PDB file of N, CA and C in Angstrom:
ATOM      1  N   MET A   1       0.828  -1.194   0.000  1.00  0.00           N
ATOM      2  CA  MET A   1       0.000   0.000   0.000  1.00  0.00           C
ATOM      3  C   MET A   1       0.871   1.255   0.000  1.00  0.00           C
ATOM      4  N   GLU A   2       1.930   1.222   0.789  1.00  0.00           N
ATOM      5  CA  GLU A   2       2.839   2.364   0.880  1.00  0.00           C
ATOM      6  C   GLU A   2       3.507   2.627  -0.471  1.00  0.00           C
ATOM      7  N   ASP A   3       3.893   1.557  -1.166  1.00  0.00           N
ATOM      8  CA  ASP A   3       4.532   1.711  -2.470  1.00  0.00           C
ATOM      9  C   ASP A   3       3.588   2.368  -3.474  1.00  0.00           C
ATOM     10  N   ARG A   4       2.328   1.967  -3.444  1.00  0.00           N
ATOM     11  CA  ARG A   4       1.346   2.525  -4.372  1.00  0.00           C
ATOM     12  C   ARG A   4       1.140   4.020  -4.103  1.00  0.00           C
ATOM     13  N   GLN A   5       1.083   4.385  -2.832  1.00  0.00           N
ATOM     14  CA  GLN A   5       0.916   5.795  -2.478  1.00  0.00           C
ATOM     15  C   GLN A   5       2.137   6.612  -2.904  1.00  0.00           C
ATOM     16  N   GLU A   6       3.320   6.048  -2.709  1.00  0.00           N
ATOM     17  CA  GLU A   6       4.552   6.726  -3.122  1.00  0.00           C
ATOM     18  C   GLU A   6       4.585   6.886  -4.649  1.00  0.00           C
ATOM     19  N   TYR A   7       4.179   5.840  -5.350  1.00  0.00           N
ATOM     20  CA  TYR A   7       4.112   5.879  -6.815  1.00  0.00           C
ATOM     21  C   TYR A   7       3.180   7.003  -7.270  1.00  0.00           C
ATOM     22  N   GLU A   8       1.988   7.067  -6.695  1.00  0.00           N
ATOM     23  CA  GLU A   8       1.006   8.094  -7.070  1.00  0.00           C
ATOM     24  C   GLU A   8       1.503   9.496  -6.717  1.00  0.00           C
ATOM     25  N   ARG A   9       2.179   9.627  -5.580  1.00  0.00           N
ATOM     26  CA  ARG A   9       2.714  10.926  -5.175  1.00  0.00           C
ATOM     27  C   ARG A   9       3.764  11.410  -6.171  1.00  0.00           C
ATOM     28  N   ARG A  10       4.673  10.513  -6.563  1.00  0.00           N
ATOM     29  CA  ARG A  10       5.720  10.870  -7.526  1.00  0.00           C
ATOM     30  C   ARG A  10       5.126  11.161  -8.907  1.00  0.00           C
ATOM     31  N   LYS A  11       4.125  10.373  -9.293  1.00  0.00           N
ATOM     32  CA  LYS A  11       3.458  10.564 -10.583  1.00  0.00           C
ATOM     33  C   LYS A  11       2.806  11.943 -10.633  1.00  0.00           C
ATOM     34  N   LYS A  12       2.113  12.310  -9.555  1.00  0.00           N
ATOM     35  CA  LYS A  12       1.450  13.610  -9.494  1.00  0.00           C
ATOM     36  C   LYS A  12       2.473  14.742  -9.511  1.00  0.00           C
ATOM     37  N   ALA A  13       3.601  14.548  -8.814  1.00  0.00           N
ATOM     38  CA  ALA A  13       4.646  15.579  -8.795  1.00  0.00           C
ATOM     39  C   ALA A  13       5.201  15.809 -10.204  1.00  0.00           C
ATOM     40  N   ILE A  14       5.408  14.736 -10.952  1.00  0.00           N
ATOM     41  CA  ILE A  14       5.897  14.865 -12.331  1.00  0.00           C
ATOM     42  C   ILE A  14       4.862  15.580 -13.186  1.00  0.00           C
ATOM     43  N   PHE A  15       3.608  15.176 -13.040  1.00  0.00           N
ATOM     44  CA  PHE A  15       2.526  15.775 -13.824  1.00  0.00           C
ATOM     45  C   PHE A  15       2.410  17.270 -13.530  1.00  0.00           C
ATOM     46  N   ASP A  16       2.481  17.638 -12.255  1.00  0.00           N
ATOM     47  CA  ASP A  16       2.341  19.044 -11.863  1.00  0.00           C
ATOM     48  C   ASP A  16       3.475  19.918 -12.397  1.00  0.00           C
ATOM     49  N   GLN A  17       4.649  19.334 -12.623  1.00  0.00           N
ATOM     50  CA  GLN A  17       5.793  20.100 -13.124  1.00  0.00           C
ATOM     51  C   GLN A  17       5.791  20.230 -14.648  1.00  0.00           C
ATOM     52  N   MET A  18       4.891  19.520 -15.308  1.00  0.00           N
ATOM     53  CA  MET A  18       4.834  19.567 -16.770  1.00  0.00           C
ATOM     54  C   MET A  18       4.197  20.870 -17.243  1.00  0.00           C
ATOM     55  N   SER A  19       4.477  21.200 -18.490  1.00  0.00           N
ATOM     56  CA  SER A  19       3.842  22.374 -19.101  1.00  0.00           C
ATOM     57  C   SER A  19       2.358  22.070 -19.315  1.00  0.00           C
ATOM     58  N   PRO A  20       1.533  23.099 -19.434  1.00  0.00           N
ATOM     59  CA  PRO A  20       0.102  22.866 -19.689  1.00  0.00           C
ATOM     60  C   PRO A  20      -0.142  22.023 -20.945  1.00  0.00           C
ATOM     61  N   ARG A  21       0.667  22.239 -21.957  1.00  0.00           N
ATOM     62  CA  ARG A  21       0.513  21.456 -23.189  1.00  0.00           C
ATOM     63  C   ARG A  21       0.810  19.973 -22.936  1.00  0.00           C
ATOM     64  N   GLY A  22       1.860  19.698 -22.178  1.00  0.00           N
ATOM     65  CA  GLY A  22       2.199  18.315 -21.836  1.00  0.00           C
ATOM     66  C   GLY A  22       1.113  17.672 -20.985  1.00  0.00           C
ATOM     67  N   GLN A  23       0.561  18.436 -20.057  1.00  0.00           N
ATOM     68  CA  GLN A  23      -0.525  17.918 -19.223  1.00  0.00           C
ATOM     69  C   GLN A  23      -1.750  17.581 -20.068  1.00  0.00           C
ATOM     70  N   GLN A  24      -2.053  18.429 -21.044  1.00  0.00           N
ATOM     71  CA  GLN A  24      -3.199  18.166 -21.919  1.00  0.00           C
ATOM     72  C   GLN A  24      -3.001  16.873 -22.702  1.00  0.00           C
ATOM     73  N   ARG A  25      -1.781  16.632 -23.151  1.00  0.00           N
ATOM     74  CA  ARG A  25      -1.483  15.401 -23.895  1.00  0.00           C
ATOM     75  C   ARG A  25      -1.717  14.173 -23.013  1.00  0.00           C
ATOM     76  N   ILE A  26      -1.283  14.259 -21.764  1.00  0.00           N
ATOM     77  CA  ILE A  26      -1.475  13.150 -20.819  1.00  0.00           C
ATOM     78  C   ILE A  26      -2.961  12.952 -20.542  1.00  0.00           C
ATOM     79  N   LEU A  27      -3.684  14.033 -20.339  1.00  0.00           N
ATOM     80  CA  LEU A  27      -5.116  13.931 -20.045  1.00  0.00           C
ATOM     81  C   LEU A  27      -5.898  13.347 -21.217  1.00  0.00           C
ATOM     82  N   ARG A  28      -5.461  13.650 -22.455  1.00  0.00           N
ATOM     83  CA  ARG A  28      -6.140  13.084 -23.633  1.00  0.00           C
ATOM     84  C   ARG A  28      -5.998  11.564 -23.670  1.00  0.00           C
ATOM     85  N   MET A  29      -4.819  11.062 -23.322  1.00  0.00           N
ATOM     86  CA  MET A  29      -4.639   9.604 -23.348  1.00  0.00           C
ATOM     87  C   MET A  29      -5.139   8.951 -22.061  1.00  0.00           C
ATOM     88  N   GLY A  30      -5.383   9.755 -21.035  1.00  0.00           N
ATOM     89  CA  GLY A  30      -5.894   9.243 -19.767  1.00  0.00           C
ATOM     90  C   GLY A  30      -4.808   9.220 -18.704  1.00  0.00           C
ATOM     91  N   TYR A  31      -4.992  10.016 -17.676  1.00  0.00           N
ATOM     92  CA  TYR A  31      -3.995  10.107 -16.602  1.00  0.00           C
ATOM     93  C   TYR A  31      -3.736   8.744 -15.982  1.00  0.00           C
ATOM     94  N   GLU A  32      -4.808   7.950 -15.805  1.00  0.00           N
ATOM     95  CA  GLU A  32      -4.653   6.636 -15.177  1.00  0.00           C
ATOM     96  C   GLU A  32      -3.872   5.667 -16.065  1.00  0.00           C
ATOM     97  N   ASN A  33      -3.862   5.897 -17.383  1.00  0.00           N
ATOM     98  CA  ASN A  33      -3.115   5.030 -18.305  1.00  0.00           C
ATOM     99  C   ASN A  33      -1.654   5.448 -18.452  1.00  0.00           C
ATOM    100  N   TRP A  34      -1.328   6.624 -18.000  1.00  0.00           N
ATOM    101  CA  TRP A  34       0.009   7.186 -18.162  1.00  0.00           C
ATOM    102  C   TRP A  34       0.956   6.601 -17.129  1.00  0.00           C
ATOM    103  N   ASP A  35       2.099   6.121 -17.582  1.00  0.00           N
ATOM    104  CA  ASP A  35       3.124   5.603 -16.678  1.00  0.00           C
ATOM    105  C   ASP A  35       4.417   6.363 -16.946  1.00  0.00           C
ATOM    106  N   PRO A  36       4.725   7.371 -16.120  1.00  0.00           N
ATOM    107  CA  PRO A  36       5.927   8.170 -16.371  1.00  0.00           C
ATOM    108  C   PRO A  36       7.218   7.417 -16.060  1.00  0.00           C
ATOM    109  N   PHE A  37       7.115   6.232 -15.479  1.00  0.00           N
ATOM    110  CA  PHE A  37       8.298   5.486 -15.061  1.00  0.00           C
ATOM    111  C   PHE A  37       8.609   4.302 -15.969  1.00  0.00           C
ATOM    112  N   GLN A  38       7.870   4.151 -17.069  1.00  0.00           N
ATOM    113  CA  GLN A  38       8.123   3.015 -17.947  1.00  0.00           C
ATOM    114  C   GLN A  38       9.450   3.189 -18.672  1.00  0.00           C
ATOM    115  N   GLU A  39      10.064   2.077 -18.991  1.00  0.00           N
ATOM    116  CA  GLU A  39      11.340   2.097 -19.690  1.00  0.00           C
ATOM    117  C   GLU A  39      11.128   2.609 -21.115  1.00  0.00           C
ATOM    118  N   PRO A  40      12.053   3.409 -21.627  1.00  0.00           N
ATOM    119  CA  PRO A  40      11.915   3.859 -23.016  1.00  0.00           C
ATOM    120  C   PRO A  40      12.046   2.677 -23.974  1.00  0.00           C
ATOM    121  N   LYS A  41      11.408   2.803 -25.127  1.00  0.00           N
ATOM    122  CA  LYS A  41      11.460   1.731 -26.113  1.00  0.00           C
ATOM    123  C   LYS A  41      12.838   1.693 -26.760  1.00  0.00           C
ATOM    124  N   ASP A  42      13.304   0.487 -27.015  1.00  0.00           N
ATOM    125  CA  ASP A  42      14.588   0.292 -27.670  1.00  0.00           C
ATOM    126  C   ASP A  42      14.388   0.424 -29.179  1.00  0.00           C
ATOM    127  N   PRO A  43      15.022   1.398 -29.832  1.00  0.00           N
ATOM    128  CA  PRO A  43      14.803   1.571 -31.275  1.00  0.00           C
ATOM    129  C   PRO A  43      15.247   0.365 -32.092  1.00  0.00           C
ATOM    130  N   ARG A  44      16.145  -0.447 -31.535  1.00  0.00           N
ATOM    131  CA  ARG A  44      16.587  -1.642 -32.266  1.00  0.00           C
ATOM    132  C   ARG A  44      15.474  -2.661 -32.402  1.00  0.00           C
ATOM    133  N   GLU A  45      14.511  -2.652 -31.475  1.00  0.00           N
ATOM    134  CA  GLU A  45      13.382  -3.576 -31.565  1.00  0.00           C
ATOM    135  C   GLU A  45      12.571  -3.309 -32.821  1.00  0.00           C
ATOM    136  N   GLN A  46      12.421  -2.049 -33.173  1.00  0.00           N
ATOM    137  CA  GLN A  46      11.646  -1.677 -34.353  1.00  0.00           C
ATOM    138  C   GLN A  46      12.330  -2.180 -35.623  1.00  0.00           C
ATOM    139  N   ILE A  47      13.647  -2.171 -35.638  1.00  0.00           N
ATOM    140  CA  ILE A  47      14.403  -2.608 -36.807  1.00  0.00           C
ATOM    141  C   ILE A  47      14.357  -4.125 -36.944  1.00  0.00           C
ATOM    142  N   ARG A  48      14.375  -4.840 -35.818  1.00  0.00           N
ATOM    143  CA  ARG A  48      14.442  -6.304 -35.837  1.00  0.00           C
ATOM    144  C   ARG A  48      13.090  -6.990 -35.704  1.00  0.00           C
ATOM    145  N   SER A  49      12.030  -6.245 -35.633  1.00  0.00           N
ATOM    146  CA  SER A  49      10.716  -6.854 -35.430  1.00  0.00           C
ATOM    147  C   SER A  49      10.334  -7.700 -36.640  1.00  0.00           C
ATOM    148  N   ALA A  50       9.415  -8.622 -36.424  1.00  0.00           N
ATOM    149  CA  ALA A  50       8.956  -9.495 -37.504  1.00  0.00           C
ATOM    150  C   ALA A  50       8.332  -8.670 -38.626  1.00  0.00           C
ATOM    151  N   THR A  51       7.610  -7.628 -38.262  1.00  0.00           N
ATOM    152  CA  THR A  51       6.981  -6.767 -39.268  1.00  0.00           C
ATOM    153  C   THR A  51       8.034  -6.063 -40.114  1.00  0.00           C
ATOM    154  N   ALA A  52       9.088  -5.574 -39.475  1.00  0.00           N
ATOM    155  CA  ALA A  52      10.146  -4.879 -40.212  1.00  0.00           C
ATOM    156  C   ALA A  52      10.862  -5.833 -41.158  1.00  0.00           C
ATOM    157  N   LEU A  53      11.124  -7.045 -40.701  1.00  0.00           N
ATOM    158  CA  LEU A  53      11.786  -8.029 -41.557  1.00  0.00           C
ATOM    159  C   LEU A  53      10.900  -8.404 -42.736  1.00  0.00           C
ATOM    160  N   GLN A  54       9.620  -8.605 -42.473  1.00  0.00           N
ATOM    161  CA  GLN A  54       8.678  -8.945 -43.535  1.00  0.00           C
ATOM    162  C   GLN A  54       8.574  -7.793 -44.537  1.00  0.00           C
ATOM    163  N   ALA A  55       8.516  -6.575 -44.037  1.00  0.00           N
ATOM    164  CA  ALA A  55       8.444  -5.407 -44.921  1.00  0.00           C
ATOM    165  C   ALA A  55       9.691  -5.320 -45.793  1.00  0.00           C
ATOM    166  N   GLY A  56      10.845  -5.613 -45.220  1.00  0.00           N
ATOM    167  CA  GLY A  56      12.091  -5.600 -45.990  1.00  0.00           C
ATOM    168  C   GLY A  56      12.072  -6.616 -47.118  1.00  0.00           C
ATOM    169  N   MET A  57      11.541  -7.803 -46.836  1.00  0.00           N
ATOM    170  CA  MET A  57      11.457  -8.842 -47.872  1.00  0.00           C
ATOM    171  C   MET A  57      10.470  -8.442 -48.972  1.00  0.00           C
ATOM    172  N   ILE A  58       9.345  -7.880 -48.575  1.00  0.00           N
ATOM    173  CA  ILE A  58       8.346  -7.437 -49.558  1.00  0.00           C
ATOM    174  C   ILE A  58       8.931  -6.343 -50.445  1.00  0.00           C
ATOM    175  N   LEU A  59       9.648  -5.420 -49.832  1.00  0.00           N
ATOM    176  CA  LEU A  59      10.246  -4.321 -50.589  1.00  0.00           C
ATOM    177  C   LEU A  59      11.327  -4.834 -51.545  1.00  0.00           C
ATOM    178  N   ALA A  60      12.121  -5.802 -51.099  1.00  0.00           N
ATOM    179  CA  ALA A  60      13.143  -6.387 -51.976  1.00  0.00           C
ATOM    180  C   ALA A  60      12.487  -7.041 -53.191  1.00  0.00           C
ATOM    181  N   GLU A  61      11.389  -7.739 -52.945  1.00  0.00           N
ATOM    182  CA  GLU A  61      10.649  -8.370 -54.045  1.00  0.00           C
ATOM    183  C   GLU A  61      10.085  -7.305 -54.995  1.00  0.00           C
ATOM    184  N   PHE A  62       9.586  -6.226 -54.433  1.00  0.00           N
ATOM    185  CA  PHE A  62       9.058  -5.125 -55.245  1.00  0.00           C
ATOM    186  C   PHE A  62      10.152  -4.526 -56.123  1.00  0.00           C
ATOM    187  N   PHE A  63      11.322  -4.264 -55.530  1.00  0.00           N
ATOM    188  CA  PHE A  63      12.425  -3.685 -56.296  1.00  0.00           C
ATOM    189  C   PHE A  63      12.859  -4.615 -57.426  1.00  0.00           C
ATOM    190  N   GLN A  64      12.877  -5.925 -57.149  1.00  0.00           N
ATOM    191  CA  GLN A  64      13.239  -6.895 -58.186  1.00  0.00           C
ATOM    192  C   GLN A  64      12.256  -6.841 -59.346  1.00  0.00           C
ATOM    193  N   SER A  65      10.987  -6.698 -59.039  1.00  0.00           N
ATOM    194  CA  SER A  65       9.967  -6.690 -60.087  1.00  0.00           C
ATOM    195  C   SER A  65      10.005  -5.411 -60.925  1.00  0.00           C
ATOM    196  N   GLN A  66      10.639  -4.379 -60.419  1.00  0.00           N
ATOM    197  CA  GLN A  66      10.677  -3.100 -61.129  1.00  0.00           C
ATOM    198  C   GLN A  66      11.912  -2.943 -62.011  1.00  0.00           C
ATOM    199  N   GLU A  67      12.721  -3.969 -62.122  1.00  0.00           N
ATOM    200  CA  GLU A  67      13.861  -4.018 -63.041  1.00  0.00           C
ATOM    201  C   GLU A  67      14.781  -2.800 -62.952  1.00  0.00           C
ATOM    202  N   GLN A  68      15.390  -2.636 -61.824  1.00  0.00           N
ATOM    203  CA  GLN A  68      16.435  -1.627 -61.646  1.00  0.00           C
ATOM    204  C   GLN A  68      15.972  -0.189 -61.853  1.00  0.00           C
ATOM    205  N   ASP A  69      14.767   0.124 -61.483  1.00  0.00           N
ATOM    206  CA  ASP A  69      14.291   1.507 -61.578  1.00  0.00           C
ATOM    207  C   ASP A  69      14.844   2.273 -60.372  1.00  0.00           C
ATOM    208  N   GLU A  70      15.889   3.034 -60.607  1.00  0.00           N
ATOM    209  CA  GLU A  70      16.583   3.738 -59.527  1.00  0.00           C
ATOM    210  C   GLU A  70      15.722   4.808 -58.872  1.00  0.00           C
ATOM    211  N   ARG A  71      14.736   5.319 -59.603  1.00  0.00           N
ATOM    212  CA  ARG A  71      13.857   6.332 -59.005  1.00  0.00           C
ATOM    213  C   ARG A  71      13.140   5.765 -57.784  1.00  0.00           C
ATOM    214  N   LEU A  72      12.773   4.495 -57.851  1.00  0.00           N
ATOM    215  CA  LEU A  72      12.086   3.870 -56.721  1.00  0.00           C
ATOM    216  C   LEU A  72      13.041   3.639 -55.560  1.00  0.00           C
ATOM    217  N   ARG A  73      14.253   3.237 -55.856  1.00  0.00           N
ATOM    218  CA  ARG A  73      15.229   2.953 -54.795  1.00  0.00           C
ATOM    219  C   ARG A  73      15.591   4.215 -54.002  1.00  0.00           C
ATOM    220  N   ARG A  74      15.450   5.366 -54.612  1.00  0.00           N
ATOM    221  CA  ARG A  74      15.736   6.615 -53.897  1.00  0.00           C
ATOM    222  C   ARG A  74      14.744   6.853 -52.766  1.00  0.00           C
ATOM    223  N   HIS A  75      13.611   6.188 -52.831  1.00  0.00           N
ATOM    224  CA  HIS A  75      12.569   6.364 -51.815  1.00  0.00           C
ATOM    225  C   HIS A  75      12.443   5.136 -50.918  1.00  0.00           C
ATOM    226  N   HIS A  76      13.550   4.429 -50.750  1.00  0.00           N
ATOM    227  CA  HIS A  76      13.539   3.181 -49.983  1.00  0.00           C
ATOM    228  C   HIS A  76      12.968   3.373 -48.576  1.00  0.00           C
ATOM    229  N   LYS A  77      13.453   4.371 -47.849  1.00  0.00           N
ATOM    230  CA  LYS A  77      13.007   4.565 -46.466  1.00  0.00           C
ATOM    231  C   LYS A  77      11.508   4.835 -46.399  1.00  0.00           C
ATOM    232  N   GLU A  78      11.014   5.699 -47.271  1.00  0.00           N
ATOM    233  CA  GLU A  78       9.585   6.017 -47.269  1.00  0.00           C
ATOM    234  C   GLU A  78       8.748   4.789 -47.613  1.00  0.00           C
ATOM    235  N   LEU A  79       9.211   4.019 -48.602  1.00  0.00           N
ATOM    236  CA  LEU A  79       8.484   2.806 -48.981  1.00  0.00           C
ATOM    237  C   LEU A  79       8.512   1.773 -47.857  1.00  0.00           C
ATOM    238  N   LEU A  80       9.658   1.660 -47.185  1.00  0.00           N
ATOM    239  CA  LEU A  80       9.764   0.719 -46.068  1.00  0.00           C
ATOM    240  C   LEU A  80       8.823   1.128 -44.935  1.00  0.00           C
ATOM    241  N   ASP A  81       8.783   2.410 -44.612  1.00  0.00           N
ATOM    242  CA  ASP A  81       7.876   2.897 -43.565  1.00  0.00           C
ATOM    243  C   ASP A  81       6.420   2.640 -43.938  1.00  0.00           C
ATOM    244  N   LEU A  82       6.072   2.882 -45.201  1.00  0.00           N
ATOM    245  CA  LEU A  82       4.708   2.640 -45.660  1.00  0.00           C
ATOM    246  C   LEU A  82       4.365   1.156 -45.587  1.00  0.00           C
ATOM    247  N   CYS A  83       5.274   0.315 -46.015  1.00  0.00           N
ATOM    248  CA  CYS A  83       5.039  -1.127 -45.993  1.00  0.00           C
ATOM    249  C   CYS A  83       4.851  -1.623 -44.560  1.00  0.00           C
ATOM    250  N   ARG A  84       5.704  -1.157 -43.646  1.00  0.00           N
ATOM    251  CA  ARG A  84       5.543  -1.549 -42.235  1.00  0.00           C
ATOM    252  C   ARG A  84       4.206  -1.070 -41.699  1.00  0.00           C
ATOM    253  N   GLY A  85       3.817   0.132 -42.056  1.00  0.00           N
ATOM    254  CA  GLY A  85       2.528   0.664 -41.618  1.00  0.00           C
ATOM    255  C   GLY A  85       1.364  -0.147 -42.145  1.00  0.00           C
ATOM    256  N   LEU A  86       1.437  -0.552 -43.404  1.00  0.00           N
ATOM    257  CA  LEU A  86       0.362  -1.370 -43.978  1.00  0.00           C
ATOM    258  C   LEU A  86       0.271  -2.722 -43.284  1.00  0.00           C
ATOM    259  N   LEU A  87       1.418  -3.318 -42.994  1.00  0.00           N
ATOM    260  CA  LEU A  87       1.414  -4.614 -42.309  1.00  0.00           C
ATOM    261  C   LEU A  87       0.843  -4.506 -40.898  1.00  0.00           C
ATOM    262  N   ARG A  88       1.058  -3.370 -40.268  1.00  0.00           N
ATOM    263  CA  ARG A  88       0.550  -3.153 -38.901  1.00  0.00           C
ATOM    264  C   ARG A  88      -0.854  -2.561 -38.885  1.00  0.00           C
ATOM    265  N   GLN A  89      -1.419  -2.296 -40.042  1.00  0.00           N
ATOM    266  CA  GLN A  89      -2.739  -1.666 -40.153  1.00  0.00           C
ATOM    267  C   GLN A  89      -2.737  -0.274 -39.514  1.00  0.00           C
ATOM    268  N   ASP A  90      -1.619   0.436 -39.659  1.00  0.00           N
ATOM    269  CA  ASP A  90      -1.489   1.786 -39.125  1.00  0.00           C
ATOM    270  C   ASP A  90      -2.458   2.719 -39.853  1.00  0.00           C
ATOM    271  N   PRO A  91      -3.220   3.535 -39.124  1.00  0.00           N
ATOM    272  CA  PRO A  91      -4.209   4.412 -39.773  1.00  0.00           C
ATOM    273  C   PRO A  91      -3.612   5.333 -40.840  1.00  0.00           C
ATOM    274  N   ARG A  92      -2.428   5.846 -40.605  1.00  0.00           N
ATOM    275  CA  ARG A  92      -1.800   6.748 -41.580  1.00  0.00           C
ATOM    276  C   ARG A  92      -1.492   6.004 -42.879  1.00  0.00           C
ATOM    277  N   ALA A  93      -0.918   4.816 -42.757  1.00  0.00           N
ATOM    278  CA  ALA A  93      -0.592   4.019 -43.943  1.00  0.00           C
ATOM    279  C   ALA A  93      -1.857   3.582 -44.664  1.00  0.00           C
ATOM    280  N   MET A  94      -2.884   3.235 -43.903  1.00  0.00           N
ATOM    281  CA  MET A  94      -4.140   2.807 -44.518  1.00  0.00           C
ATOM    282  C   MET A  94      -4.797   3.973 -45.263  1.00  0.00           C
ATOM    283  N   ALA A  95      -4.640   5.190 -44.744  1.00  0.00           N
ATOM    284  CA  ALA A  95      -5.187   6.368 -45.426  1.00  0.00           C
ATOM    285  C   ALA A  95      -4.451   6.611 -46.743  1.00  0.00           C
ATOM    286  N   VAL A  96      -3.129   6.452 -46.735  1.00  0.00           N
ATOM    287  CA  VAL A  96      -2.347   6.613 -47.966  1.00  0.00           C
ATOM    288  C   VAL A  96      -2.772   5.563 -48.989  1.00  0.00           C
ATOM    289  N   LYS A  97      -2.950   4.334 -48.528  1.00  0.00           N
ATOM    290  CA  LYS A  97      -3.383   3.248 -49.422  1.00  0.00           C
ATOM    291  C   LYS A  97      -4.762   3.558 -50.013  1.00  0.00           C
ATOM    292  N   ALA A  98      -5.690   3.987 -49.168  1.00  0.00           N
ATOM    293  CA  ALA A  98      -7.042   4.298 -49.642  1.00  0.00           C
ATOM    294  C   ALA A  98      -7.005   5.419 -50.679  1.00  0.00           C
ATOM    295  N   PHE A  99      -6.183   6.437 -50.423  1.00  0.00           N
ATOM    296  CA  PHE A  99      -6.071   7.531 -51.381  1.00  0.00           C
ATOM    297  C   PHE A  99      -5.499   7.044 -52.703  1.00  0.00           C
ATOM    298  N   CYS A 100      -4.442   6.234 -52.653  1.00  0.00           N
ATOM    299  CA  CYS A 100      -3.819   5.737 -53.889  1.00  0.00           C
ATOM    300  C   CYS A 100      -4.803   4.892 -54.693  1.00  0.00           C
ATOM    301  N   CYS A 101      -5.562   4.036 -54.026  1.00  0.00           N
ATOM    302  CA  CYS A 101      -6.570   3.217 -54.716  1.00  0.00           C
ATOM    303  C   CYS A 101      -7.641   4.107 -55.339  1.00  0.00           C
ATOM    304  N   TRP A 102      -8.103   5.088 -54.578  1.00  0.00           N
ATOM    305  CA  TRP A 102      -9.116   6.014 -55.088  1.00  0.00           C
ATOM    306  C   TRP A 102      -8.579   6.787 -56.290  1.00  0.00           C
ATOM    307  N   PHE A 103      -7.367   7.287 -56.177  1.00  0.00           N
ATOM    308  CA  PHE A 103      -6.766   8.077 -57.242  1.00  0.00           C
ATOM    309  C   PHE A 103      -6.623   7.251 -58.514  1.00  0.00           C
ATOM    310  N   GLU A 104      -6.140   6.033 -58.380  1.00  0.00           N
ATOM    311  CA  GLU A 104      -5.966   5.157 -59.541  1.00  0.00           C
ATOM    312  C   GLU A 104      -7.309   4.855 -60.198  1.00  0.00           C
ATOM    313  N   ARG A 105      -8.307   4.580 -59.380  1.00  0.00           N
ATOM    314  CA  ARG A 105      -9.648   4.262 -59.884  1.00  0.00           C
ATOM    315  C   ARG A 105     -10.263   5.468 -60.607  1.00  0.00           C
ATOM    316  N   THR A 106     -10.202   6.644 -60.015  1.00  0.00           N
ATOM    317  CA  THR A 106     -10.821   7.828 -60.629  1.00  0.00           C
ATOM    318  C   THR A 106     -10.034   8.313 -61.839  1.00  0.00           C
ATOM    319  N   ARG A 107      -8.749   8.075 -61.824  1.00  0.00           N
ATOM    320  CA  ARG A 107      -7.936   8.476 -62.973  1.00  0.00           C
ATOM    321  C   ARG A 107      -8.348   7.696 -64.217  1.00  0.00           C
ATOM    322  N   TRP A 108      -8.635   6.414 -64.047  1.00  0.00           N
ATOM    323  CA  TRP A 108      -9.061   5.589 -65.188  1.00  0.00           C
ATOM    324  C   TRP A 108     -10.476   5.954 -65.626  1.00  0.00           C
ATOM    325  N   GLU A 109     -11.302   6.335 -64.674  1.00  0.00           N
ATOM    326  CA  GLU A 109     -12.675   6.716 -65.021  1.00  0.00           C
ATOM    327  C   GLU A 109     -12.705   8.014 -65.825  1.00  0.00           C
ATOM    328  N   ARG A 110     -11.825   8.929 -65.487  1.00  0.00           N
ATOM    329  CA  ARG A 110     -11.789  10.230 -66.161  1.00  0.00           C
ATOM    330  C   ARG A 110     -11.102  10.162 -67.523  1.00  0.00           C
ATOM    331  N   GLY A 111     -10.301   9.115 -67.682  1.00  0.00           N
ATOM    332  CA  GLY A 111      -9.642   8.943 -68.979  1.00  0.00           C
ATOM    333  C   GLY A 111      -8.358   9.571 -68.999  1.00  0.00           C
TER     334      GLY A 111
END
């Protein structure tokens, strides 16, 4: 019980020292869900994740099918990020996909 009270006291102290903008961000996600003491994420995990590896393989296959089109290879990072987002069903990537499908469809309709 004492540990929980100490945790809440420290959490509140951190929250109170934050800027109003930072506090608003915490309140939007929910103060009770916020853990200011969690370990930071290791960026190497993102590189080695199954999704990242799968995206890399898909992108390699895509580049092979495009027969050495260097214009595409210049955008490797952006394509890799998009591919990872699509595999994870990320809303941003799904919005880009929906727009591209819509654009392709309407372009053919317009002639």
